[in-house]
């Protein structure tokens, strides 16, 4: 957190929603996928599952963290 800036908090207050894939080892962002701000909860959940499958992130020991980031829907 450079100069006390909480990047997770900043992302959560953003109006832009996205799925972020990061390396657990070094925090490097591997990929980001934009989410339509009007997407339903079911559509977001399906996209999360798709991204996790694409990056094989469900495999134990994958070393990847996949999270929904950004502000609330709408």
PDB file of N, CA and C in Angstrom:
ATOM      1  N   UNK A   1       0.839  -1.172   0.000  1.00  0.00           N
ATOM      2  CA  UNK A   1       0.000   0.000   0.000  1.00  0.00           C
ATOM      3  C   UNK A   1       0.890   1.244   0.000  1.00  0.00           C
ATOM      4  N   UNK A   2       1.136   1.743  -1.149  1.00  0.00           N
ATOM      5  CA  UNK A   2       1.985   2.918  -1.296  1.00  0.00           C
ATOM      6  C   UNK A   2       1.347   4.126  -0.631  1.00  0.00           C
ATOM      7  N   UNK A   3       2.083   4.769   0.243  1.00  0.00           N
ATOM      8  CA  UNK A   3       1.631   5.989   0.922  1.00  0.00           C
ATOM      9  C   UNK A   3       0.266   5.825   1.574  1.00  0.00           C
ATOM     10  N   UNK A   4      -0.023   4.644   2.094  1.00  0.00           N
ATOM     11  CA  UNK A   4      -1.269   4.423   2.815  1.00  0.00           C
ATOM     12  C   UNK A   4      -2.501   4.259   1.951  1.00  0.00           C
ATOM     13  N   UNK A   5      -2.341   4.116   0.644  1.00  0.00           N
ATOM     14  CA  UNK A   5      -3.490   3.933  -0.243  1.00  0.00           C
ATOM     15  C   UNK A   5      -3.897   2.464  -0.214  1.00  0.00           C
ATOM     16  N   UNK A   6      -5.149   2.201   0.121  1.00  0.00           N
ATOM     17  CA  UNK A   6      -5.670   0.833   0.151  1.00  0.00           C
ATOM     18  C   UNK A   6      -6.282   0.544  -1.218  1.00  0.00           C
ATOM     19  N   UNK A   7      -5.562  -0.194  -2.045  1.00  0.00           N
ATOM     20  CA  UNK A   7      -6.002  -0.440  -3.416  1.00  0.00           C
ATOM     21  C   UNK A   7      -7.273  -1.271  -3.473  1.00  0.00           C
ATOM     22  N   UNK A   8      -7.453  -2.208  -2.533  1.00  0.00           N
ATOM     23  CA  UNK A   8      -8.692  -2.994  -2.503  1.00  0.00           C
ATOM     24  C   UNK A   8      -9.884  -2.096  -2.206  1.00  0.00           C
ATOM     25  N   UNK A   9      -9.730  -1.191  -1.260  1.00  0.00           N
ATOM     26  CA  UNK A   9     -10.817  -0.265  -0.925  1.00  0.00           C
ATOM     27  C   UNK A   9     -11.125   0.647  -2.111  1.00  0.00           C
ATOM     28  N   UNK A  10     -10.095   1.123  -2.774  1.00  0.00           N
ATOM     29  CA  UNK A  10     -10.275   1.966  -3.953  1.00  0.00           C
ATOM     30  C   UNK A  10     -11.042   1.215  -5.038  1.00  0.00           C
ATOM     31  N   UNK A  11     -10.682  -0.024  -5.278  1.00  0.00           N
ATOM     32  CA  UNK A  11     -11.369  -0.839  -6.288  1.00  0.00           C
ATOM     33  C   UNK A  11     -12.818  -1.081  -5.907  1.00  0.00           C
ATOM     34  N   UNK A  12     -13.079  -1.327  -4.623  1.00  0.00           N
ATOM     35  CA  UNK A  12     -14.448  -1.592  -4.179  1.00  0.00           C
ATOM     36  C   UNK A  12     -15.348  -0.373  -4.306  1.00  0.00           C
ATOM     37  N   UNK A  13     -14.769   0.809  -4.320  1.00  0.00           N
ATOM     38  CA  UNK A  13     -15.555   2.033  -4.468  1.00  0.00           C
ATOM     39  C   UNK A  13     -15.678   2.478  -5.921  1.00  0.00           C
ATOM     40  N   UNK A  14     -15.068   1.740  -6.812  1.00  0.00           N
ATOM     41  CA  UNK A  14     -15.125   2.061  -8.235  1.00  0.00           C
ATOM     42  C   UNK A  14     -16.486   1.686  -8.810  1.00  0.00           C
ATOM     43  N   UNK A  15     -16.922   2.410  -9.808  1.00  0.00           N
ATOM     44  CA  UNK A  15     -18.155   2.075 -10.507  1.00  0.00           C
ATOM     45  C   UNK A  15     -17.955   0.991 -11.544  1.00  0.00           C
ATOM     46  N   UNK A  16     -16.718   0.607 -11.771  1.00  0.00           N
ATOM     47  CA  UNK A  16     -16.388  -0.412 -12.762  1.00  0.00           C
ATOM     48  C   UNK A  16     -16.222  -1.749 -12.041  1.00  0.00           C
ATOM     49  N   UNK A  17     -16.904  -2.780 -12.550  1.00  0.00           N
ATOM     50  CA  UNK A  17     -16.768  -4.113 -11.959  1.00  0.00           C
ATOM     51  C   UNK A  17     -15.938  -4.988 -12.881  1.00  0.00           C
ATOM     52  N   UNK A  18     -15.108  -5.819 -12.279  1.00  0.00           N
ATOM     53  CA  UNK A  18     -14.281  -6.719 -13.064  1.00  0.00           C
ATOM     54  C   UNK A  18     -13.871  -7.915 -12.216  1.00  0.00           C
ATOM     55  N   UNK A  19     -13.449  -8.959 -12.901  1.00  0.00           N
ATOM     56  CA  UNK A  19     -12.893 -10.135 -12.247  1.00  0.00           C
ATOM     57  C   UNK A  19     -11.383 -10.019 -12.375  1.00  0.00           C
ATOM     58  N   UNK A  20     -10.695 -10.162 -11.260  1.00  0.00           N
ATOM     59  CA  UNK A  20      -9.243 -10.026 -11.237  1.00  0.00           C
ATOM     60  C   UNK A  20      -8.611 -11.365 -10.859  1.00  0.00           C
ATOM     61  N   UNK A  21      -7.651 -11.794 -11.666  1.00  0.00           N
ATOM     62  CA  UNK A  21      -6.893 -13.013 -11.398  1.00  0.00           C
ATOM     63  C   UNK A  21      -5.489 -12.574 -10.997  1.00  0.00           C
ATOM     64  N   UNK A  22      -5.080 -12.936  -9.779  1.00  0.00           N
ATOM     65  CA  UNK A  22      -3.761 -12.534  -9.296  1.00  0.00           C
ATOM     66  C   UNK A  22      -2.964 -13.741  -8.811  1.00  0.00           C
ATOM     67  N   UNK A  23      -1.655 -13.590  -8.857  1.00  0.00           N
ATOM     68  CA  UNK A  23      -0.742 -14.595  -8.323  1.00  0.00           C
ATOM     69  C   UNK A  23      -0.669 -14.416  -6.816  1.00  0.00           C
ATOM     70  N   UNK A  24      -0.899 -15.490  -6.079  1.00  0.00           N
ATOM     71  CA  UNK A  24      -0.822 -15.432  -4.620  1.00  0.00           C
ATOM     72  C   UNK A  24       0.619 -15.175  -4.180  1.00  0.00           C
ATOM     73  N   UNK A  25       1.579 -15.702  -4.905  1.00  0.00           N
ATOM     74  CA  UNK A  25       2.987 -15.602  -4.533  1.00  0.00           C
ATOM     75  C   UNK A  25       3.510 -14.173  -4.531  1.00  0.00           C
ATOM     76  N   UNK A  26       3.170 -13.411  -5.561  1.00  0.00           N
ATOM     77  CA  UNK A  26       3.754 -12.072  -5.664  1.00  0.00           C
ATOM     78  C   UNK A  26       2.736 -10.956  -5.863  1.00  0.00           C
ATOM     79  N   UNK A  27       1.457 -11.290  -5.905  1.00  0.00           N
ATOM     80  CA  UNK A  27       0.419 -10.270  -6.056  1.00  0.00           C
ATOM     81  C   UNK A  27       0.287  -9.719  -7.463  1.00  0.00           C
ATOM     82  N   UNK A  28       1.026 -10.279  -8.419  1.00  0.00           N
ATOM     83  CA  UNK A  28       0.964  -9.776  -9.786  1.00  0.00           C
ATOM     84  C   UNK A  28      -0.391 -10.097 -10.413  1.00  0.00           C
ATOM     85  N   UNK A  29      -0.938  -9.120 -11.111  1.00  0.00           N
ATOM     86  CA  UNK A  29      -2.202  -9.323 -11.815  1.00  0.00           C
ATOM     87  C   UNK A  29      -1.926 -10.135 -13.070  1.00  0.00           C
ATOM     88  N   UNK A  30      -2.609 -11.269 -13.178  1.00  0.00           N
ATOM     89  CA  UNK A  30      -2.459 -12.153 -14.330  1.00  0.00           C
ATOM     90  C   UNK A  30      -3.440 -11.749 -15.427  1.00  0.00           C
ATOM     91  N   UNK A  31      -4.669 -11.419 -15.017  1.00  0.00           N
ATOM     92  CA  UNK A  31      -5.703 -11.042 -15.989  1.00  0.00           C
ATOM     93  C   UNK A  31      -6.807 -10.261 -15.287  1.00  0.00           C
ATOM     94  N   UNK A  32      -7.487  -9.423 -16.080  1.00  0.00           N
ATOM     95  CA  UNK A  32      -8.673  -8.708 -15.612  1.00  0.00           C
ATOM     96  C   UNK A  32      -9.744  -8.837 -16.678  1.00  0.00           C
ATOM     97  N   UNK A  33     -10.959  -9.091 -16.228  1.00  0.00           N
ATOM     98  CA  UNK A  33     -12.096  -9.246 -17.129  1.00  0.00           C
ATOM     99  C   UNK A  33     -13.188  -8.281 -16.696  1.00  0.00           C
ATOM    100  N   UNK A  34     -13.548  -7.369 -17.576  1.00  0.00           N
ATOM    101  CA  UNK A  34     -14.605  -6.407 -17.271  1.00  0.00           C
ATOM    102  C   UNK A  34     -15.949  -7.121 -17.192  1.00  0.00           C
ATOM    103  N   UNK A  35     -16.799  -6.642 -16.300  1.00  0.00           N
ATOM    104  CA  UNK A  35     -18.146  -7.173 -16.120  1.00  0.00           C
ATOM    105  C   UNK A  35     -19.132  -6.053 -16.414  1.00  0.00           C
ATOM    106  N   UNK A  36     -20.135  -6.336 -17.212  1.00  0.00           N
ATOM    107  CA  UNK A  36     -21.189  -5.357 -17.486  1.00  0.00           C
ATOM    108  C   UNK A  36     -21.804  -4.944 -16.158  1.00  0.00           C
ATOM    109  N   UNK A  37     -21.890  -3.658 -15.908  1.00  0.00           N
ATOM    110  CA  UNK A  37     -22.385  -3.181 -14.615  1.00  0.00           C
ATOM    111  C   UNK A  37     -23.832  -3.581 -14.366  1.00  0.00           C
ATOM    112  N   UNK A  38     -24.573  -3.943 -15.397  1.00  0.00           N
ATOM    113  CA  UNK A  38     -25.963  -4.361 -15.235  1.00  0.00           C
ATOM    114  C   UNK A  38     -26.135  -5.875 -15.278  1.00  0.00           C
ATOM    115  N   UNK A  39     -25.036  -6.604 -15.272  1.00  0.00           N
ATOM    116  CA  UNK A  39     -25.111  -8.069 -15.323  1.00  0.00           C
ATOM    117  C   UNK A  39     -25.802  -8.605 -14.072  1.00  0.00           C
ATOM    118  N   UNK A  40     -26.612  -9.621 -14.264  1.00  0.00           N
ATOM    119  CA  UNK A  40     -27.311 -10.245 -13.133  1.00  0.00           C
ATOM    120  C   UNK A  40     -26.312 -11.005 -12.263  1.00  0.00           C
ATOM    121  N   UNK A  41     -26.721 -11.291 -11.041  1.00  0.00           N
ATOM    122  CA  UNK A  41     -25.870 -12.071 -10.144  1.00  0.00           C
ATOM    123  C   UNK A  41     -25.536 -13.431 -10.755  1.00  0.00           C
ATOM    124  N   UNK A  42     -26.514 -14.040 -11.423  1.00  0.00           N
ATOM    125  CA  UNK A  42     -26.291 -15.347 -12.054  1.00  0.00           C
ATOM    126  C   UNK A  42     -25.258 -15.240 -13.175  1.00  0.00           C
ATOM    127  N   UNK A  43     -25.324 -14.170 -13.962  1.00  0.00           N
ATOM    128  CA  UNK A  43     -24.368 -13.977 -15.052  1.00  0.00           C
ATOM    129  C   UNK A  43     -22.959 -13.753 -14.505  1.00  0.00           C
ATOM    130  N   UNK A  44     -22.858 -12.993 -13.423  1.00  0.00           N
ATOM    131  CA  UNK A  44     -21.552 -12.739 -12.807  1.00  0.00           C
ATOM    132  C   UNK A  44     -20.979 -14.042 -12.252  1.00  0.00           C
ATOM    133  N   UNK A  45     -21.815 -14.818 -11.577  1.00  0.00           N
ATOM    134  CA  UNK A  45     -21.360 -16.096 -11.020  1.00  0.00           C
ATOM    135  C   UNK A  45     -20.880 -17.033 -12.128  1.00  0.00           C
ATOM    136  N   UNK A  46     -21.622 -17.083 -13.235  1.00  0.00           N
ATOM    137  CA  UNK A  46     -21.230 -17.930 -14.366  1.00  0.00           C
ATOM    138  C   UNK A  46     -19.901 -17.468 -14.955  1.00  0.00           C
ATOM    139  N   UNK A  47     -19.710 -16.162 -15.056  1.00  0.00           N
ATOM    140  CA  UNK A  47     -18.457 -15.628 -15.603  1.00  0.00           C
ATOM    141  C   UNK A  47     -17.290 -15.938 -14.672  1.00  0.00           C
ATOM    142  N   UNK A  48     -17.514 -15.822 -13.362  1.00  0.00           N
ATOM    143  CA  UNK A  48     -16.480 -16.179 -12.393  1.00  0.00           C
ATOM    144  C   UNK A  48     -16.050 -17.635 -12.571  1.00  0.00           C
ATOM    145  N   UNK A  49     -17.028 -18.514 -12.714  1.00  0.00           N
ATOM    146  CA  UNK A  49     -16.736 -19.938 -12.912  1.00  0.00           C
ATOM    147  C   UNK A  49     -15.937 -20.159 -14.195  1.00  0.00           C
ATOM    148  N   UNK A  50     -16.310 -19.444 -15.259  1.00  0.00           N
ATOM    149  CA  UNK A  50     -15.621 -19.557 -16.542  1.00  0.00           C
ATOM    150  C   UNK A  50     -14.165 -19.103 -16.427  1.00  0.00           C
ATOM    151  N   UNK A  51     -13.955 -17.972 -15.756  1.00  0.00           N
ATOM    152  CA  UNK A  51     -12.594 -17.448 -15.587  1.00  0.00           C
ATOM    153  C   UNK A  51     -11.756 -18.413 -14.750  1.00  0.00           C
ATOM    154  N   UNK A  52     -12.348 -18.944 -13.689  1.00  0.00           N
ATOM    155  CA  UNK A  52     -11.620 -19.896 -12.849  1.00  0.00           C
ATOM    156  C   UNK A  52     -11.228 -21.140 -13.645  1.00  0.00           C
ATOM    157  N   UNK A  53     -12.120 -21.603 -14.519  1.00  0.00           N
ATOM    158  CA  UNK A  53     -11.820 -22.761 -15.360  1.00  0.00           C
ATOM    159  C   UNK A  53     -10.736 -22.424 -16.382  1.00  0.00           C
ATOM    160  N   UNK A  54     -10.817 -21.250 -16.984  1.00  0.00           N
ATOM    161  CA  UNK A  54      -9.832 -20.819 -17.979  1.00  0.00           C
ATOM    162  C   UNK A  54      -8.423 -20.817 -17.402  1.00  0.00           C
ATOM    163  N   UNK A  55      -8.299 -20.361 -16.153  1.00  0.00           N
ATOM    164  CA  UNK A  55      -6.981 -20.243 -15.517  1.00  0.00           C
ATOM    165  C   UNK A  55      -6.650 -21.432 -14.612  1.00  0.00           C
ATOM    166  N   UNK A  56      -7.519 -22.439 -14.617  1.00  0.00           N
ATOM    167  CA  UNK A  56      -7.326 -23.621 -13.776  1.00  0.00           C
ATOM    168  C   UNK A  56      -7.128 -23.224 -12.311  1.00  0.00           C
ATOM    169  N   UNK A  57      -7.869 -22.209 -11.887  1.00  0.00           N
ATOM    170  CA  UNK A  57      -7.703 -21.647 -10.548  1.00  0.00           C
ATOM    171  C   UNK A  57      -8.382 -22.461  -9.453  1.00  0.00           C
ATOM    172  N   UNK A  58      -9.221 -23.414  -9.823  1.00  0.00           N
ATOM    173  CA  UNK A  58      -9.879 -24.246  -8.812  1.00  0.00           C
ATOM    174  C   UNK A  58      -8.981 -25.383  -8.328  1.00  0.00           C
ATOM    175  N   UNK A  59      -7.936 -25.656  -9.065  1.00  0.00           N
ATOM    176  CA  UNK A  59      -7.016 -26.725  -8.704  1.00  0.00           C
ATOM    177  C   UNK A  59      -6.259 -26.338  -7.437  1.00  0.00           C
ATOM    178  N   UNK A  60      -6.289 -27.203  -6.413  1.00  0.00           N
ATOM    179  CA  UNK A  60      -5.529 -26.900  -5.198  1.00  0.00           C
ATOM    180  C   UNK A  60      -4.056 -26.644  -5.533  1.00  0.00           C
ATOM    181  N   UNK A  61      -3.515 -25.595  -4.951  1.00  0.00           N
ATOM    182  CA  UNK A  61      -2.122 -25.257  -5.199  1.00  0.00           C
ATOM    183  C   UNK A  61      -1.891 -24.496  -6.487  1.00  0.00           C
ATOM    184  N   UNK A  62      -2.966 -24.012  -7.122  1.00  0.00           N
ATOM    185  CA  UNK A  62      -2.811 -23.273  -8.385  1.00  0.00           C
ATOM    186  C   UNK A  62      -2.016 -21.991  -8.188  1.00  0.00           C
ATOM    187  N   UNK A  63      -2.048 -21.448  -6.978  1.00  0.00           N
ATOM    188  CA  UNK A  63      -1.329 -20.208  -6.709  1.00  0.00           C
ATOM    189  C   UNK A  63      -2.034 -18.981  -7.240  1.00  0.00           C
ATOM    190  N   UNK A  64      -3.310 -19.136  -7.608  1.00  0.00           N
ATOM    191  CA  UNK A  64      -4.063 -18.013  -8.157  1.00  0.00           C
ATOM    192  C   UNK A  64      -5.238 -17.643  -7.258  1.00  0.00           C
ATOM    193  N   UNK A  65      -5.524 -16.358  -7.224  1.00  0.00           N
ATOM    194  CA  UNK A  65      -6.676 -15.828  -6.504  1.00  0.00           C
ATOM    195  C   UNK A  65      -7.573 -15.166  -7.539  1.00  0.00           C
ATOM    196  N   UNK A  66      -8.848 -15.521  -7.553  1.00  0.00           N
ATOM    197  CA  UNK A  66      -9.807 -14.946  -8.500  1.00  0.00           C
ATOM    198  C   UNK A  66     -10.896 -14.264  -7.687  1.00  0.00           C
ATOM    199  N   UNK A  67     -11.064 -12.948  -7.907  1.00  0.00           N
ATOM    200  CA  UNK A  67     -12.042 -12.189  -7.124  1.00  0.00           C
ATOM    201  C   UNK A  67     -12.817 -11.220  -7.998  1.00  0.00           C
ATOM    202  N   UNK A  68     -14.052 -10.979  -7.594  1.00  0.00           N
ATOM    203  CA  UNK A  68     -14.863  -9.933  -8.201  1.00  0.00           C
ATOM    204  C   UNK A  68     -14.486  -8.633  -7.518  1.00  0.00           C
ATOM    205  N   UNK A  69     -14.135  -7.641  -8.301  1.00  0.00           N
ATOM    206  CA  UNK A  69     -13.715  -6.349  -7.761  1.00  0.00           C
ATOM    207  C   UNK A  69     -14.640  -5.263  -8.298  1.00  0.00           C
ATOM    208  N   UNK A  70     -14.634  -4.140  -7.645  1.00  0.00           N
ATOM    209  CA  UNK A  70     -15.399  -3.000  -8.113  1.00  0.00           C
ATOM    210  C   UNK A  70     -16.656  -2.776  -7.314  1.00  0.00           C
ATOM    211  N   UNK A  71     -17.347  -1.740  -7.713  1.00  0.00           N
ATOM    212  CA  UNK A  71     -18.520  -1.307  -6.981  1.00  0.00           C
ATOM    213  C   UNK A  71     -19.738  -2.169  -7.189  1.00  0.00           C
ATOM    214  N   UNK A  72     -20.810  -1.779  -6.522  1.00  0.00           N
ATOM    215  CA  UNK A  72     -22.049  -2.557  -6.604  1.00  0.00           C
ATOM    216  C   UNK A  72     -22.687  -2.484  -7.979  1.00  0.00           C
ATOM    217  N   UNK A  73     -23.545  -3.455  -8.245  1.00  0.00           N
ATOM    218  CA  UNK A  73     -24.288  -3.502  -9.508  1.00  0.00           C
ATOM    219  C   UNK A  73     -25.113  -2.243  -9.669  1.00  0.00           C
ATOM    220  N   UNK A  74     -25.164  -1.758 -10.918  1.00  0.00           N
ATOM    221  CA  UNK A  74     -26.025  -0.633 -11.256  1.00  0.00           C
ATOM    222  C   UNK A  74     -25.445   0.647 -10.877  1.00  0.00           C
TER     223      UNK A  74
END
